[in-house]
PDB file of N, CA and C in Angstrom:
ATOM      1  N   UNK A   1       0.940  -1.304   0.059  1.00  0.00           N
ATOM      2  CA  UNK A   1       0.128  -0.230   0.101  1.00  0.00           C
ATOM      3  C   UNK A   1       0.591   1.833  -0.095  1.00  0.00           C
ATOM      4  N   UNK A   2       0.537   1.927  -0.489  1.00  0.00           N
ATOM      5  CA  UNK A   2       1.172   3.174  -0.675  1.00  0.00           C
ATOM      6  C   UNK A   2       0.269   4.204   0.119  1.00  0.00           C
ATOM      7  N   UNK A   3       1.398   4.670   0.512  1.00  0.00           N
ATOM      8  CA  UNK A   3       0.959   5.686   1.880  1.00  0.00           C
ATOM      9  C   UNK A   3       0.787   7.327   1.362  1.00  0.00           C
ATOM     10  N   UNK A   4       2.064   7.317   0.696  1.00  0.00           N
ATOM     11  CA  UNK A   4       2.925   8.861   0.311  1.00  0.00           C
ATOM     12  C   UNK A   4       2.067   9.859  -0.031  1.00  0.00           C
ATOM     13  N   UNK A   5       0.749   9.652  -0.740  1.00  0.00           N
ATOM     14  CA  UNK A   5      -0.332  10.503  -0.890  1.00  0.00           C
ATOM     15  C   UNK A   5      -0.635  10.951   0.615  1.00  0.00           C
ATOM     16  N   UNK A   6      -1.388  10.452   1.265  1.00  0.00           N
ATOM     17  CA  UNK A   6      -2.002  10.491   2.624  1.00  0.00           C
ATOM     18  C   UNK A   6      -0.784  11.263   3.314  1.00  0.00           C
ATOM     19  N   UNK A   7       0.242  10.694   3.812  1.00  0.00           N
ATOM     20  CA  UNK A   7       1.800  10.969   4.651  1.00  0.00           C
ATOM     21  C   UNK A   7       1.708  13.044   4.183  1.00  0.00           C
ATOM     22  N   UNK A   8       1.725  13.192   2.947  1.00  0.00           N
ATOM     23  CA  UNK A   8       1.888  14.337   2.235  1.00  0.00           C
ATOM     24  C   UNK A   8       0.783  15.323   2.644  1.00  0.00           C
ATOM     25  N   UNK A   9       0.111  14.768   2.828  1.00  0.00           N
ATOM     26  CA  UNK A   9      -1.585  16.099   3.167  1.00  0.00           C
ATOM     27  C   UNK A   9      -1.322  15.923   5.002  1.00  0.00           C
ATOM     28  N   UNK A  10      -1.365  14.993   5.453  1.00  0.00           N
ATOM     29  CA  UNK A  10      -1.270  15.135   7.011  1.00  0.00           C
ATOM     30  C   UNK A  10       0.011  15.463   7.469  1.00  0.00           C
ATOM     31  N   UNK A  11       1.591  15.601   6.817  1.00  0.00           N
ATOM     32  CA  UNK A  11       2.284  16.700   7.349  1.00  0.00           C
ATOM     33  C   UNK A  11       2.138  18.106   6.953  1.00  0.00           C
ATOM     34  N   UNK A  12       1.721  18.668   5.556  1.00  0.00           N
ATOM     35  CA  UNK A  12       1.153  19.689   5.374  1.00  0.00           C
ATOM     36  C   UNK A  12       0.299  20.281   6.398  1.00  0.00           C
ATOM     37  N   UNK A  13      -0.717  19.639   7.059  1.00  0.00           N
ATOM     38  CA  UNK A  13      -1.431  19.638   8.071  1.00  0.00           C
ATOM     39  C   UNK A  13      -0.746  20.208   9.546  1.00  0.00           C
ATOM     40  N   UNK A  14      -0.248  18.907   9.626  1.00  0.00           N
ATOM     41  CA  UNK A  14       1.028  19.572  11.040  1.00  0.00           C
ATOM     42  C   UNK A  14       1.511  20.257  10.715  1.00  0.00           C
ATOM     43  N   UNK A  15       2.239  20.665   9.775  1.00  0.00           N
ATOM     44  CA  UNK A  15       3.679  21.751  10.045  1.00  0.00           C
ATOM     45  C   UNK A  15       2.491  23.193   9.759  1.00  0.00           C
ATOM     46  N   UNK A  16       0.735  23.413   9.820  1.00  0.00           N
ATOM     47  CA  UNK A  16       0.437  24.481   9.674  1.00  0.00           C
ATOM     48  C   UNK A  16       0.171  24.786  11.459  1.00  0.00           C
ATOM     49  N   UNK A  17       0.025  23.404  11.542  1.00  0.00           N
ATOM     50  CA  UNK A  17      -0.424  23.384  13.003  1.00  0.00           C
ATOM     51  C   UNK A  17       0.407  23.781  14.262  1.00  0.00           C
ATOM     52  N   UNK A  18       1.978  22.852  14.195  1.00  0.00           N
ATOM     53  CA  UNK A  18       3.123  23.346  14.638  1.00  0.00           C
ATOM     54  C   UNK A  18       3.622  25.229  13.940  1.00  0.00           C
ATOM     55  N   UNK A  19       2.722  25.477  13.136  1.00  0.00           N
ATOM     56  CA  UNK A  19       3.666  27.175  13.432  1.00  0.00           C
ATOM     57  C   UNK A  19       2.229  28.285  14.238  1.00  0.00           C
ATOM     58  N   UNK A  20       0.975  27.408  13.976  1.00  0.00           N
ATOM     59  CA  UNK A  20       0.177  28.286  14.777  1.00  0.00           C
ATOM     60  C   UNK A  20       0.726  28.466  15.927  1.00  0.00           C
ATOM     61  N   UNK A  21       0.925  27.250  16.374  1.00  0.00           N
ATOM     62  CA  UNK A  21       1.327  26.436  17.778  1.00  0.00           C
ATOM     63  C   UNK A  21       2.467  27.208  18.385  1.00  0.00           C
ATOM     64  N   UNK A  22       3.642  27.425  17.737  1.00  0.00           N
ATOM     65  CA  UNK A  22       4.722  27.802  17.930  1.00  0.00           C
ATOM     66  C   UNK A  22       4.560  29.612  17.847  1.00  0.00           C
ATOM     67  N   UNK A  23       3.798  30.060  16.552  1.00  0.00           N
ATOM     68  CA  UNK A  23       3.552  31.692  17.471  1.00  0.00           C
ATOM     69  C   UNK A  23       2.388  32.005  18.498  1.00  0.00           C
ATOM     70  N   UNK A  24       1.678  30.987  19.360  1.00  0.00           N
ATOM     71  CA  UNK A  24       1.280  31.481  20.752  1.00  0.00           C
ATOM     72  C   UNK A  24       2.116  30.690  21.570  1.00  0.00           C
ATOM     73  N   UNK A  25       2.957  29.945  21.433  1.00  0.00           N
ATOM     74  CA  UNK A  25       4.078  29.935  22.835  1.00  0.00           C
ATOM     75  C   UNK A  25       5.074  30.760  22.948  1.00  0.00           C
ATOM     76  N   UNK A  26       5.671  31.788  21.997  1.00  0.00           N
ATOM     77  CA  UNK A  26       6.479  32.657  21.702  1.00  0.00           C
ATOM     78  C   UNK A  26       6.025  34.213  22.253  1.00  0.00           C
ATOM     79  N   UNK A  27       4.636  33.977  22.196  1.00  0.00           N
ATOM     80  CA  UNK A  27       3.777  35.118  23.366  1.00  0.00           C
ATOM     81  C   UNK A  27       3.773  34.504  24.355  1.00  0.00           C
ATOM     82  N   UNK A  28       3.265  33.815  24.710  1.00  0.00           N
ATOM     83  CA  UNK A  28       3.708  33.415  26.422  1.00  0.00           C
ATOM     84  C   UNK A  28       4.959  32.948  26.813  1.00  0.00           C
ATOM     85  N   UNK A  29       5.813  33.044  25.735  1.00  0.00           N
ATOM     86  CA  UNK A  29       7.871  32.920  26.381  1.00  0.00           C
ATOM     87  C   UNK A  29       7.464  34.472  26.718  1.00  0.00           C
ATOM     88  N   UNK A  30       7.192  35.450  25.758  1.00  0.00           N
ATOM     89  CA  UNK A  30       7.773  37.039  25.846  1.00  0.00           C
ATOM     90  C   UNK A  30       6.669  37.177  27.131  1.00  0.00           C
ATOM     91  N   UNK A  31       6.275  36.784  27.789  1.00  0.00           N
ATOM     92  CA  UNK A  31       5.256  37.560  28.512  1.00  0.00           C
ATOM     93  C   UNK A  31       6.213  36.657  30.528  1.00  0.00           C
ATOM     94  N   UNK A  32       6.200  35.374  29.596  1.00  0.00           N
ATOM     95  CA  UNK A  32       6.981  34.965  31.184  1.00  0.00           C
ATOM     96  C   UNK A  32       8.523  35.727  31.328  1.00  0.00           C
ATOM     97  N   UNK A  33       8.986  35.939  29.997  1.00  0.00           N
ATOM     98  CA  UNK A  33      10.614  37.141  30.003  1.00  0.00           C
ATOM     99  C   UNK A  33      10.003  38.185  30.167  1.00  0.00           C
ATOM    100  N   UNK A  34       9.279  38.761  30.383  1.00  0.00           N
ATOM    101  CA  UNK A  34       8.852  40.302  30.838  1.00  0.00           C
ATOM    102  C   UNK A  34       8.811  40.123  32.614  1.00  0.00           C
ATOM    103  N   UNK A  35       7.665  39.298  32.461  1.00  0.00           N
ATOM    104  CA  UNK A  35       7.612  39.150  33.774  1.00  0.00           C
ATOM    105  C   UNK A  35       9.169  38.402  34.957  1.00  0.00           C
ATOM    106  N   UNK A  36       9.861  37.871  34.521  1.00  0.00           N
ATOM    107  CA  UNK A  36      11.359  37.706  35.192  1.00  0.00           C
ATOM    108  C   UNK A  36      11.650  38.952  35.256  1.00  0.00           C
ATOM    109  N   UNK A  37      11.879  39.400  33.892  1.00  0.00           N
ATOM    110  CA  UNK A  37      13.002  41.365  33.904  1.00  0.00           C
ATOM    111  C   UNK A  37      11.880  41.945  35.111  1.00  0.00           C
ATOM    112  N   UNK A  38      10.852  41.707  35.154  1.00  0.00           N
ATOM    113  CA  UNK A  38      10.234  42.693  36.143  1.00  0.00           C
ATOM    114  C   UNK A  38      10.043  42.812  37.338  1.00  0.00           C
ATOM    115  N   UNK A  39      10.804  41.408  38.030  1.00  0.00           N
ATOM    116  CA  UNK A  39      10.878  41.021  39.326  1.00  0.00           C
ATOM    117  C   UNK A  39      11.524  41.173  40.130  1.00  0.00           C
ATOM    118  N   UNK A  40      11.647  41.042  41.278  1.00  0.00           N
ATOM    119  CA  UNK A  40      12.243  41.667  42.616  1.00  0.00           C
ATOM    120  C   UNK A  40      12.747  40.044  42.875  1.00  0.00           C
ATOM    121  N   UNK A  41      12.666  39.195  43.409  1.00  0.00           N
ATOM    122  CA  UNK A  41      12.797  38.288  43.926  1.00  0.00           C
ATOM    123  C   UNK A  41      13.834  37.060  43.271  1.00  0.00           C
ATOM    124  N   UNK A  42      14.695  37.318  43.641  1.00  0.00           N
ATOM    125  CA  UNK A  42      15.943  36.262  43.033  1.00  0.00           C
ATOM    126  C   UNK A  42      15.434  34.447  42.671  1.00  0.00           C
ATOM    127  N   UNK A  43      14.643  34.330  44.228  1.00  0.00           N
ATOM    128  CA  UNK A  43      14.356  32.946  43.925  1.00  0.00           C
ATOM    129  C   UNK A  43      13.144  32.878  42.996  1.00  0.00           C
ATOM    130  N   UNK A  44      12.082  33.834  42.962  1.00  0.00           N
ATOM    131  CA  UNK A  44      10.976  34.383  41.883  1.00  0.00           C
ATOM    132  C   UNK A  44      11.628  33.950  40.538  1.00  0.00           C
ATOM    133  N   UNK A  45      12.309  34.810  40.273  1.00  0.00           N
ATOM    134  CA  UNK A  45      12.722  34.862  38.833  1.00  0.00           C
ATOM    135  C   UNK A  45      14.066  33.585  38.579  1.00  0.00           C
ATOM    136  N   UNK A  46      14.538  33.037  39.441  1.00  0.00           N
ATOM    137  CA  UNK A  46      14.683  31.955  38.715  1.00  0.00           C
ATOM    138  C   UNK A  46      14.207  30.412  38.319  1.00  0.00           C
ATOM    139  N   UNK A  47      12.531  30.218  39.190  1.00  0.00           N
ATOM    140  CA  UNK A  47      11.665  29.822  38.616  1.00  0.00           C
ATOM    141  C   UNK A  47      11.012  30.111  37.360  1.00  0.00           C
ATOM    142  N   UNK A  48      10.964  31.639  36.484  1.00  0.00           N
ATOM    143  CA  UNK A  48      10.400  31.993  35.974  1.00  0.00           C
ATOM    144  C   UNK A  48      11.356  32.320  35.076  1.00  0.00           C
ATOM    145  N   UNK A  49      12.749  32.198  34.944  1.00  0.00           N
ATOM    146  CA  UNK A  49      13.737  31.223  34.316  1.00  0.00           C
ATOM    147  C   UNK A  49      13.716  29.972  33.924  1.00  0.00           C
ATOM    148  N   UNK A  50      13.335  29.282  34.682  1.00  0.00           N
ATOM    149  CA  UNK A  50      13.154  27.752  34.820  1.00  0.00           C
ATOM    150  C   UNK A  50      11.926  27.536  33.611  1.00  0.00           C
ATOM    151  N   UNK A  51      11.405  28.228  33.532  1.00  0.00           N
ATOM    152  CA  UNK A  51       9.720  28.186  33.141  1.00  0.00           C
ATOM    153  C   UNK A  51      10.275  28.662  31.027  1.00  0.00           C
ATOM    154  N   UNK A  52      11.157  29.491  31.409  1.00  0.00           N
ATOM    155  CA  UNK A  52      11.319  30.303  29.750  1.00  0.00           C
ATOM    156  C   UNK A  52      12.484  29.147  29.501  1.00  0.00           C
ATOM    157  N   UNK A  53      13.165  28.691  30.268  1.00  0.00           N
ATOM    158  CA  UNK A  53      13.537  27.371  29.390  1.00  0.00           C
ATOM    159  C   UNK A  53      12.829  26.385  28.936  1.00  0.00           C
ATOM    160  N   UNK A  54      11.717  25.716  29.675  1.00  0.00           N
ATOM    161  CA  UNK A  54      11.047  24.773  29.354  1.00  0.00           C
ATOM    162  C   UNK A  54      10.318  24.964  28.509  1.00  0.00           C
ATOM    163  N   UNK A  55      10.255  25.888  28.113  1.00  0.00           N
ATOM    164  CA  UNK A  55       9.492  27.096  26.554  1.00  0.00           C
ATOM    165  C   UNK A  55      10.832  26.843  25.675  1.00  0.00           C
ATOM    166  N   UNK A  56      12.002  26.864  25.910  1.00  0.00           N
ATOM    167  CA  UNK A  56      12.827  26.845  24.667  1.00  0.00           C
ATOM    168  C   UNK A  56      12.688  25.533  24.300  1.00  0.00           C
ATOM    169  N   UNK A  57      12.803  24.585  25.222  1.00  0.00           N
ATOM    170  CA  UNK A  57      13.486  22.816  24.833  1.00  0.00           C
ATOM    171  C   UNK A  57      11.474  22.716  23.776  1.00  0.00           C
ATOM    172  N   UNK A  58      10.403  23.135  24.643  1.00  0.00           N
ATOM    173  CA  UNK A  58       9.773  22.793  23.519  1.00  0.00           C
ATOM    174  C   UNK A  58       9.726  23.419  22.346  1.00  0.00           C
ATOM    175  N   UNK A  59      10.231  24.674  21.734  1.00  0.00           N
ATOM    176  CA  UNK A  59      10.461  25.640  20.599  1.00  0.00           C
ATOM    177  C   UNK A  59      11.369  24.511  19.651  1.00  0.00           C
ATOM    178  N   UNK A  60      12.132  24.265  20.259  1.00  0.00           N
ATOM    179  CA  UNK A  60      13.191  23.922  19.878  1.00  0.00           C
ATOM    180  C   UNK A  60      12.679  22.278  19.568  1.00  0.00           C
ATOM    181  N   UNK A  61      12.410  21.583  20.569  1.00  0.00           N
ATOM    182  CA  UNK A  61      11.151  20.168  19.956  1.00  0.00           C
ATOM    183  C   UNK A  61      10.742  20.277  18.588  1.00  0.00           C
ATOM    184  N   UNK A  62       9.870  21.268  18.815  1.00  0.00           N
ATOM    185  CA  UNK A  62       8.531  21.917  17.832  1.00  0.00           C
ATOM    186  C   UNK A  62       9.587  21.985  16.333  1.00  0.00           C
ATOM    187  N   UNK A  63      10.848  22.642  16.035  1.00  0.00           N
ATOM    188  CA  UNK A  63      11.651  22.667  15.126  1.00  0.00           C
ATOM    189  C   UNK A  63      12.136  21.177  14.732  1.00  0.00           C
ATOM    190  N   UNK A  64      12.728  20.689  14.895  1.00  0.00           N
ATOM    191  CA  UNK A  64      12.494  19.245  14.795  1.00  0.00           C
ATOM    192  C   UNK A  64      12.296  18.344  13.757  1.00  0.00           C
ATOM    193  N   UNK A  65      10.908  18.579  15.282  1.00  0.00           N
ATOM    194  CA  UNK A  65       9.949  18.039  14.017  1.00  0.00           C
ATOM    195  C   UNK A  65       9.245  18.522  12.532  1.00  0.00           C
ATOM    196  N   UNK A  66       9.225  19.725  12.727  1.00  0.00           N
ATOM    197  CA  UNK A  66       9.123  20.485  11.709  1.00  0.00           C
ATOM    198  C   UNK A  66       9.976  19.997  10.676  1.00  0.00           C
ATOM    199  N   UNK A  67      11.450  20.226  10.945  1.00  0.00           N
ATOM    200  CA  UNK A  67      12.046  19.985   9.596  1.00  0.00           C
ATOM    201  C   UNK A  67      11.821  18.401   8.910  1.00  0.00           C
ATOM    202  N   UNK A  68      11.669  17.684  10.452  1.00  0.00           N
ATOM    203  CA  UNK A  68      11.659  15.862   9.713  1.00  0.00           C
ATOM    204  C   UNK A  68      10.266  15.943   8.875  1.00  0.00           C
ATOM    205  N   UNK A  69       9.446  16.919   9.306  1.00  0.00           N
ATOM    206  CA  UNK A  69       8.050  16.750   8.562  1.00  0.00           C
ATOM    207  C   UNK A  69       8.055  17.538   6.704  1.00  0.00           C
ATOM    208  N   UNK A  70       9.588  18.338   7.126  1.00  0.00           N
ATOM    209  CA  UNK A  70       9.517  18.864   5.616  1.00  0.00           C
ATOM    210  C   UNK A  70      10.579  17.955   4.751  1.00  0.00           C
ATOM    211  N   UNK A  71      11.014  17.231   5.589  1.00  0.00           N
ATOM    212  CA  UNK A  71      11.837  16.438   4.786  1.00  0.00           C
ATOM    213  C   UNK A  71      10.471  14.537   4.268  1.00  0.00           C
ATOM    214  N   UNK A  72      10.294  14.516   5.408  1.00  0.00           N
ATOM    215  CA  UNK A  72       9.012  13.787   4.825  1.00  0.00           C
ATOM    216  C   UNK A  72       8.319  14.045   3.521  1.00  0.00           C
ATOM    217  N   UNK A  73       7.656  15.274   3.627  1.00  0.00           N
ATOM    218  CA  UNK A  73       6.995  16.001   2.526  1.00  0.00           C
ATOM    219  C   UNK A  73       8.109  15.565   1.100  1.00  0.00           C
ATOM    220  N   UNK A  74       9.272  16.195   1.709  1.00  0.00           N
ATOM    221  CA  UNK A  74      10.441  16.156   0.006  1.00  0.00           C
ATOM    222  C   UNK A  74      10.041  14.743  -0.466  1.00  0.00           C
ATOM    223  N   UNK A  75      10.259  13.488   0.590  1.00  0.00           N
ATOM    224  CA  UNK A  75      10.624  12.121   0.069  1.00  0.00           C
ATOM    225  C   UNK A  75       9.629  11.550  -0.107  1.00  0.00           C
ATOM    226  N   UNK A  76       8.242  12.164  -0.271  1.00  0.00           N
ATOM    227  CA  UNK A  76       6.829  11.516  -0.984  1.00  0.00           C
ATOM    228  C   UNK A  76       6.577  12.410  -2.015  1.00  0.00           C
ATOM    229  N   UNK A  77       6.993  13.367  -2.119  1.00  0.00           N
ATOM    230  CA  UNK A  77       6.851  13.835  -3.442  1.00  0.00           C
ATOM    231  C   UNK A  77       8.141  13.300  -4.469  1.00  0.00           C
ATOM    232  N   UNK A  78       9.471  12.963  -3.964  1.00  0.00           N
ATOM    233  CA  UNK A  78      10.259  12.507  -5.125  1.00  0.00           C
ATOM    234  C   UNK A  78      10.259  10.802  -4.505  1.00  0.00           C
ATOM    235  N   UNK A  79       9.645  10.316  -4.074  1.00  0.00           N
ATOM    236  CA  UNK A  79       9.406   8.830  -4.178  1.00  0.00           C
ATOM    237  C   UNK A  79      10.676   8.476  -2.874  1.00  0.00           C
ATOM    238  N   UNK A  80      11.228   9.079  -2.608  1.00  0.00           N
ATOM    239  CA  UNK A  80      12.363   8.035  -1.986  1.00  0.00           C
ATOM    240  C   UNK A  80      12.310   8.488  -0.467  1.00  0.00           C
ATOM    241  N   UNK A  81      12.721   7.674   0.178  1.00  0.00           N
ATOM    242  CA  UNK A  81      12.629   7.808   1.734  1.00  0.00           C
ATOM    243  C   UNK A  81      14.145   8.221   2.171  1.00  0.00           C
ATOM    244  N   UNK A  82      14.700   9.400   3.186  1.00  0.00           N
ATOM    245  CA  UNK A  82      15.852  10.117   3.124  1.00  0.00           C
ATOM    246  C   UNK A  82      15.767   8.955   4.593  1.00  0.00           C
TER     247      UNK A  82
END
């Protein structure tokens, strides 16, 4: 069974959703960062910094997933698996 066409369609849908999600995450990240910069308590700044790091890790994972999906799209169009 050749699933290239289905994989292509699904990959394109997921890439769109990842871009939407990434934009929202970036907004939340900026808000957390702003709160950290305004915070007086060093201990709470550290907690906010840890949350910022969590956002960074999620965005990094999304970027890796998006790249793999793009490779899948290319492979499905070429008929090759990379």
